[in-house]
Amino acid sequence: MPKFLIQAAYTPEGTKGLLEEGASGRRAAVDEVVTGLGGTVEAMYFAFGEDDLMCIVDFPDPVSMAAVSLRVKASGALRTRATALLTVEEIDEAARRQVSFRPPGA
């Protein structure tokens, strides 16, 4: 199952919601969204700095991740970015594949 790192920063409105609901309320909301699309939440951490929240989630496919991303961003409560995470074995497989590429100017 594809794995993704989600990094998020709350907007002022999103922060107000977090203060009202608490972290456990937000965890429940994340679990509901992810499991509703057939995924699982591996980890969820709150932080301070540039990002307020980091999650590692598994989804059945990248389209499910895109669907969540679109809906969350449309809410205006968070600014997010998702990064596909690859295993060591997946990178080994990628390194073995033949790719025909010509750099610019070559």
N, C-alpha and C. Protein backbone atom coordinates (compact mmCIF):
# COMPACT_ATOMS: atom_id res chain seq x y z
N MET A 1 0.86 -1.17 0.00
CA MET A 1 0.00 0.00 0.00
C MET A 1 0.91 1.24 0.00
N PRO A 2 0.66 2.20 -0.87
CA PRO A 2 1.49 3.42 -0.89
C PRO A 2 1.45 4.15 0.45
N LYS A 3 2.62 4.64 0.85
CA LYS A 3 2.78 5.33 2.13
C LYS A 3 3.12 6.79 1.85
N PHE A 4 2.57 7.69 2.66
CA PHE A 4 2.77 9.12 2.47
C PHE A 4 3.10 9.81 3.79
N LEU A 5 3.99 10.79 3.70
CA LEU A 5 4.25 11.70 4.81
C LEU A 5 3.42 12.94 4.54
N ILE A 6 2.58 13.31 5.49
CA ILE A 6 1.78 14.53 5.38
C ILE A 6 2.32 15.52 6.39
N GLN A 7 2.66 16.71 5.91
CA GLN A 7 3.10 17.80 6.78
C GLN A 7 2.07 18.91 6.64
N ALA A 8 1.63 19.44 7.77
CA ALA A 8 0.55 20.43 7.74
C ALA A 8 0.84 21.57 8.71
N ALA A 9 0.35 22.73 8.32
CA ALA A 9 0.40 23.91 9.18
C ALA A 9 -1.01 24.46 9.29
N TYR A 10 -1.46 24.67 10.51
CA TYR A 10 -2.80 25.20 10.74
C TYR A 10 -2.86 26.68 10.38
N THR A 11 -3.96 27.07 9.77
CA THR A 11 -4.26 28.48 9.58
C THR A 11 -4.81 29.00 10.91
N PRO A 12 -4.99 30.31 11.07
CA PRO A 12 -5.58 30.79 12.32
C PRO A 12 -6.94 30.14 12.63
N GLU A 13 -7.78 29.94 11.61
CA GLU A 13 -9.08 29.30 11.85
C GLU A 13 -8.90 27.84 12.26
N GLY A 14 -7.98 27.15 11.62
CA GLY A 14 -7.71 25.76 11.99
C GLY A 14 -7.18 25.64 13.40
N THR A 15 -6.34 26.59 13.81
CA THR A 15 -5.80 26.58 15.17
C THR A 15 -6.92 26.77 16.18
N LYS A 16 -7.88 27.64 15.87
CA LYS A 16 -9.02 27.82 16.78
C LYS A 16 -9.78 26.51 16.94
N GLY A 17 -9.96 25.78 15.83
CA GLY A 17 -10.64 24.49 15.91
C GLY A 17 -9.87 23.48 16.73
N LEU A 18 -8.55 23.47 16.59
CA LEU A 18 -7.71 22.57 17.38
C LEU A 18 -7.84 22.89 18.87
N LEU A 19 -7.84 24.17 19.20
CA LEU A 19 -7.99 24.57 20.60
C LEU A 19 -9.33 24.12 21.17
N GLU A 20 -10.38 24.15 20.36
CA GLU A 20 -11.71 23.73 20.82
C GLU A 20 -11.81 22.21 20.96
N GLU A 21 -11.25 21.47 19.97
CA GLU A 21 -11.38 20.01 19.92
C GLU A 21 -10.32 19.26 20.68
N GLY A 22 -9.15 19.84 20.76
CA GLY A 22 -8.01 19.14 21.34
C GLY A 22 -7.36 18.22 20.33
N ALA A 23 -6.18 17.76 20.66
CA ALA A 23 -5.41 16.90 19.76
C ALA A 23 -6.11 15.56 19.53
N SER A 24 -6.73 15.00 20.57
CA SER A 24 -7.39 13.70 20.40
C SER A 24 -8.60 13.81 19.47
N GLY A 25 -9.26 14.96 19.47
CA GLY A 25 -10.37 15.17 18.54
C GLY A 25 -9.89 15.22 17.11
N ARG A 26 -8.74 15.84 16.89
CA ARG A 26 -8.18 15.90 15.53
C ARG A 26 -7.69 14.53 15.10
N ARG A 27 -7.10 13.76 16.02
CA ARG A 27 -6.64 12.41 15.69
C ARG A 27 -7.83 11.56 15.24
N ALA A 28 -8.94 11.68 15.94
CA ALA A 28 -10.13 10.92 15.57
C ALA A 28 -10.61 11.32 14.17
N ALA A 29 -10.55 12.62 13.88
CA ALA A 29 -10.98 13.10 12.55
C ALA A 29 -10.07 12.57 11.46
N VAL A 30 -8.76 12.55 11.70
CA VAL A 30 -7.80 12.03 10.72
C VAL A 30 -8.03 10.53 10.51
N ASP A 31 -8.20 9.79 11.61
CA ASP A 31 -8.47 8.36 11.50
C ASP A 31 -9.72 8.10 10.66
N GLU A 32 -10.76 8.87 10.90
CA GLU A 32 -12.02 8.68 10.17
C GLU A 32 -11.84 8.90 8.67
N VAL A 33 -11.14 9.97 8.31
CA VAL A 33 -10.92 10.27 6.89
C VAL A 33 -10.09 9.18 6.22
N VAL A 34 -8.99 8.81 6.86
CA VAL A 34 -8.07 7.85 6.25
C VAL A 34 -8.70 6.46 6.16
N THR A 35 -9.30 5.98 7.24
CA THR A 35 -9.92 4.65 7.20
C THR A 35 -11.14 4.62 6.28
N GLY A 36 -11.80 5.76 6.14
CA GLY A 36 -12.95 5.84 5.24
C GLY A 36 -12.58 5.60 3.78
N LEU A 37 -11.30 5.80 3.45
CA LEU A 37 -10.82 5.55 2.10
C LEU A 37 -9.97 4.28 2.02
N GLY A 38 -10.08 3.44 3.05
CA GLY A 38 -9.37 2.17 3.03
C GLY A 38 -7.93 2.23 3.48
N GLY A 39 -7.54 3.32 4.12
CA GLY A 39 -6.16 3.49 4.56
C GLY A 39 -5.99 3.29 6.04
N THR A 40 -4.75 3.50 6.50
CA THR A 40 -4.43 3.42 7.92
C THR A 40 -3.49 4.56 8.29
N VAL A 41 -3.58 4.99 9.53
CA VAL A 41 -2.67 6.01 10.06
C VAL A 41 -1.58 5.27 10.84
N GLU A 42 -0.35 5.37 10.35
CA GLU A 42 0.77 4.71 11.04
C GLU A 42 1.24 5.55 12.22
N ALA A 43 1.31 6.86 12.03
CA ALA A 43 1.78 7.75 13.09
C ALA A 43 1.21 9.14 12.89
N MET A 44 1.03 9.85 13.99
CA MET A 44 0.56 11.23 13.95
C MET A 44 1.23 11.98 15.09
N TYR A 45 1.90 13.07 14.74
CA TYR A 45 2.61 13.87 15.73
C TYR A 45 2.28 15.34 15.55
N PHE A 46 2.17 16.04 16.65
CA PHE A 46 2.06 17.49 16.62
C PHE A 46 3.45 18.05 16.88
N ALA A 47 3.71 19.22 16.31
CA ALA A 47 5.02 19.84 16.43
C ALA A 47 4.83 21.35 16.51
N PHE A 48 5.91 22.07 16.68
CA PHE A 48 5.86 23.52 16.57
C PHE A 48 7.00 23.94 15.68
N GLY A 49 6.80 25.05 15.01
CA GLY A 49 7.75 25.50 14.01
C GLY A 49 7.00 25.72 12.70
N GLU A 50 7.65 25.40 11.60
CA GLU A 50 7.02 25.60 10.30
C GLU A 50 5.80 24.69 10.11
N ASP A 51 5.88 23.46 10.62
CA ASP A 51 4.76 22.52 10.53
C ASP A 51 4.18 22.30 11.92
N ASP A 52 2.85 22.16 11.97
CA ASP A 52 2.15 21.91 13.23
C ASP A 52 1.81 20.45 13.42
N LEU A 53 1.78 19.71 12.32
CA LEU A 53 1.30 18.34 12.34
C LEU A 53 2.04 17.52 11.31
N MET A 54 2.38 16.28 11.67
CA MET A 54 3.00 15.35 10.73
C MET A 54 2.33 14.00 10.90
N CYS A 55 1.97 13.40 9.77
CA CYS A 55 1.35 12.08 9.79
C CYS A 55 2.04 11.19 8.77
N ILE A 56 2.08 9.91 9.08
CA ILE A 56 2.47 8.90 8.10
C ILE A 56 1.24 8.03 7.91
N VAL A 57 0.77 7.99 6.67
CA VAL A 57 -0.45 7.25 6.36
C VAL A 57 -0.23 6.32 5.18
N ASP A 58 -1.01 5.25 5.16
CA ASP A 58 -1.03 4.32 4.03
C ASP A 58 -2.39 4.46 3.36
N PHE A 59 -2.39 4.56 2.03
CA PHE A 59 -3.63 4.59 1.26
C PHE A 59 -3.57 3.50 0.21
N PRO A 60 -4.72 3.00 -0.22
CA PRO A 60 -4.72 1.95 -1.24
C PRO A 60 -4.13 2.41 -2.58
N ASP A 61 -4.18 3.71 -2.83
CA ASP A 61 -3.69 4.24 -4.11
C ASP A 61 -3.44 5.74 -3.98
N PRO A 62 -2.64 6.32 -4.89
CA PRO A 62 -2.35 7.75 -4.83
C PRO A 62 -3.59 8.63 -5.04
N VAL A 63 -4.58 8.13 -5.74
CA VAL A 63 -5.80 8.92 -5.96
C VAL A 63 -6.51 9.18 -4.64
N SER A 64 -6.50 8.22 -3.73
CA SER A 64 -7.10 8.43 -2.40
C SER A 64 -6.38 9.54 -1.65
N MET A 65 -5.04 9.55 -1.74
CA MET A 65 -4.27 10.62 -1.10
C MET A 65 -4.62 11.95 -1.72
N ALA A 66 -4.75 12.00 -3.03
CA ALA A 66 -5.11 13.24 -3.72
C ALA A 66 -6.49 13.72 -3.30
N ALA A 67 -7.43 12.80 -3.14
CA ALA A 67 -8.80 13.17 -2.74
C ALA A 67 -8.80 13.82 -1.36
N VAL A 68 -8.05 13.23 -0.43
CA VAL A 68 -7.96 13.81 0.92
C VAL A 68 -7.29 15.17 0.84
N SER A 69 -6.21 15.26 0.11
CA SER A 69 -5.48 16.52 -0.01
C SER A 69 -6.37 17.64 -0.54
N LEU A 70 -7.12 17.35 -1.58
CA LEU A 70 -8.01 18.36 -2.15
C LEU A 70 -9.05 18.83 -1.14
N ARG A 71 -9.67 17.88 -0.45
CA ARG A 71 -10.73 18.22 0.51
C ARG A 71 -10.18 19.02 1.68
N VAL A 72 -9.03 18.61 2.20
CA VAL A 72 -8.43 19.31 3.34
C VAL A 72 -8.03 20.72 2.94
N LYS A 73 -7.38 20.86 1.79
CA LYS A 73 -6.95 22.19 1.35
C LYS A 73 -8.14 23.10 1.08
N ALA A 74 -9.22 22.54 0.54
CA ALA A 74 -10.42 23.33 0.26
C ALA A 74 -11.06 23.88 1.54
N SER A 75 -10.82 23.20 2.67
CA SER A 75 -11.40 23.66 3.93
C SER A 75 -10.80 24.98 4.39
N GLY A 76 -9.56 25.26 3.98
CA GLY A 76 -8.88 26.47 4.42
C GLY A 76 -8.33 26.40 5.83
N ALA A 77 -8.48 25.26 6.51
CA ALA A 77 -8.03 25.13 7.89
C ALA A 77 -6.56 24.75 8.02
N LEU A 78 -6.01 24.20 6.93
CA LEU A 78 -4.62 23.75 6.95
C LEU A 78 -3.95 24.01 5.61
N ARG A 79 -2.65 24.23 5.68
CA ARG A 79 -1.81 24.19 4.48
C ARG A 79 -1.06 22.88 4.57
N THR A 80 -1.13 22.06 3.54
CA THR A 80 -0.53 20.73 3.62
C THR A 80 0.37 20.44 2.43
N ARG A 81 1.24 19.46 2.65
CA ARG A 81 1.98 18.87 1.54
C ARG A 81 2.13 17.39 1.85
N ALA A 82 2.05 16.59 0.81
CA ALA A 82 2.16 15.14 0.96
C ALA A 82 3.36 14.67 0.14
N THR A 83 4.14 13.80 0.73
CA THR A 83 5.32 13.24 0.09
C THR A 83 5.17 11.74 0.04
N ALA A 84 5.28 11.16 -1.15
CA ALA A 84 5.26 9.70 -1.27
C ALA A 84 6.53 9.15 -0.63
N LEU A 85 6.38 8.11 0.17
CA LEU A 85 7.52 7.48 0.84
C LEU A 85 7.77 6.12 0.18
N LEU A 86 9.03 5.85 -0.10
CA LEU A 86 9.41 4.61 -0.77
C LEU A 86 10.32 3.79 0.14
N THR A 87 10.17 2.48 0.08
CA THR A 87 11.02 1.60 0.88
C THR A 87 12.39 1.45 0.21
N VAL A 88 13.32 0.89 0.95
CA VAL A 88 14.65 0.59 0.41
C VAL A 88 14.50 -0.34 -0.80
N GLU A 89 13.65 -1.33 -0.68
CA GLU A 89 13.46 -2.29 -1.76
C GLU A 89 12.88 -1.62 -3.01
N GLU A 90 11.98 -0.67 -2.83
CA GLU A 90 11.41 0.03 -3.99
C GLU A 90 12.48 0.87 -4.70
N ILE A 91 13.36 1.50 -3.95
CA ILE A 91 14.43 2.28 -4.57
C ILE A 91 15.42 1.34 -5.27
N ASP A 92 15.71 0.19 -4.66
CA ASP A 92 16.57 -0.79 -5.33
C ASP A 92 15.96 -1.20 -6.67
N GLU A 93 14.66 -1.46 -6.69
CA GLU A 93 13.98 -1.82 -7.94
C GLU A 93 14.06 -0.68 -8.95
N ALA A 94 13.85 0.54 -8.50
CA ALA A 94 13.93 1.70 -9.40
C ALA A 94 15.33 1.85 -9.98
N ALA A 95 16.34 1.59 -9.17
CA ALA A 95 17.73 1.72 -9.63
C ALA A 95 18.07 0.68 -10.70
N ARG A 96 17.40 -0.47 -10.68
CA ARG A 96 17.66 -1.52 -11.67
C ARG A 96 16.95 -1.27 -13.00
N ARG A 97 15.95 -0.41 -13.03
CA ARG A 97 15.20 -0.17 -14.27
C ARG A 97 16.02 0.67 -15.23
N GLN A 98 15.95 0.28 -16.50
CA GLN A 98 16.64 1.01 -17.55
C GLN A 98 15.79 2.22 -17.95
N VAL A 99 16.41 3.38 -17.99
CA VAL A 99 15.72 4.62 -18.35
C VAL A 99 16.53 5.30 -19.44
N SER A 100 15.86 5.60 -20.53
CA SER A 100 16.52 6.31 -21.63
C SER A 100 16.33 7.80 -21.39
N PHE A 101 17.43 8.49 -21.08
CA PHE A 101 17.35 9.92 -20.77
C PHE A 101 18.55 10.64 -21.36
N ARG A 102 18.28 11.77 -21.95
CA ARG A 102 19.35 12.62 -22.50
C ARG A 102 19.25 13.97 -21.80
N PRO A 103 20.29 14.38 -21.07
CA PRO A 103 20.22 15.67 -20.39
C PRO A 103 20.20 16.81 -21.40
N PRO A 104 19.68 17.97 -21.01
CA PRO A 104 19.65 19.12 -21.91
C PRO A 104 21.07 19.47 -22.41
N GLY A 105 21.18 19.72 -23.69
CA GLY A 105 22.44 20.13 -24.28
C GLY A 105 23.38 18.99 -24.60
N ALA A 106 23.01 17.76 -24.30
CA ALA A 106 23.90 16.61 -24.56
C ALA A 106 23.63 16.02 -25.93
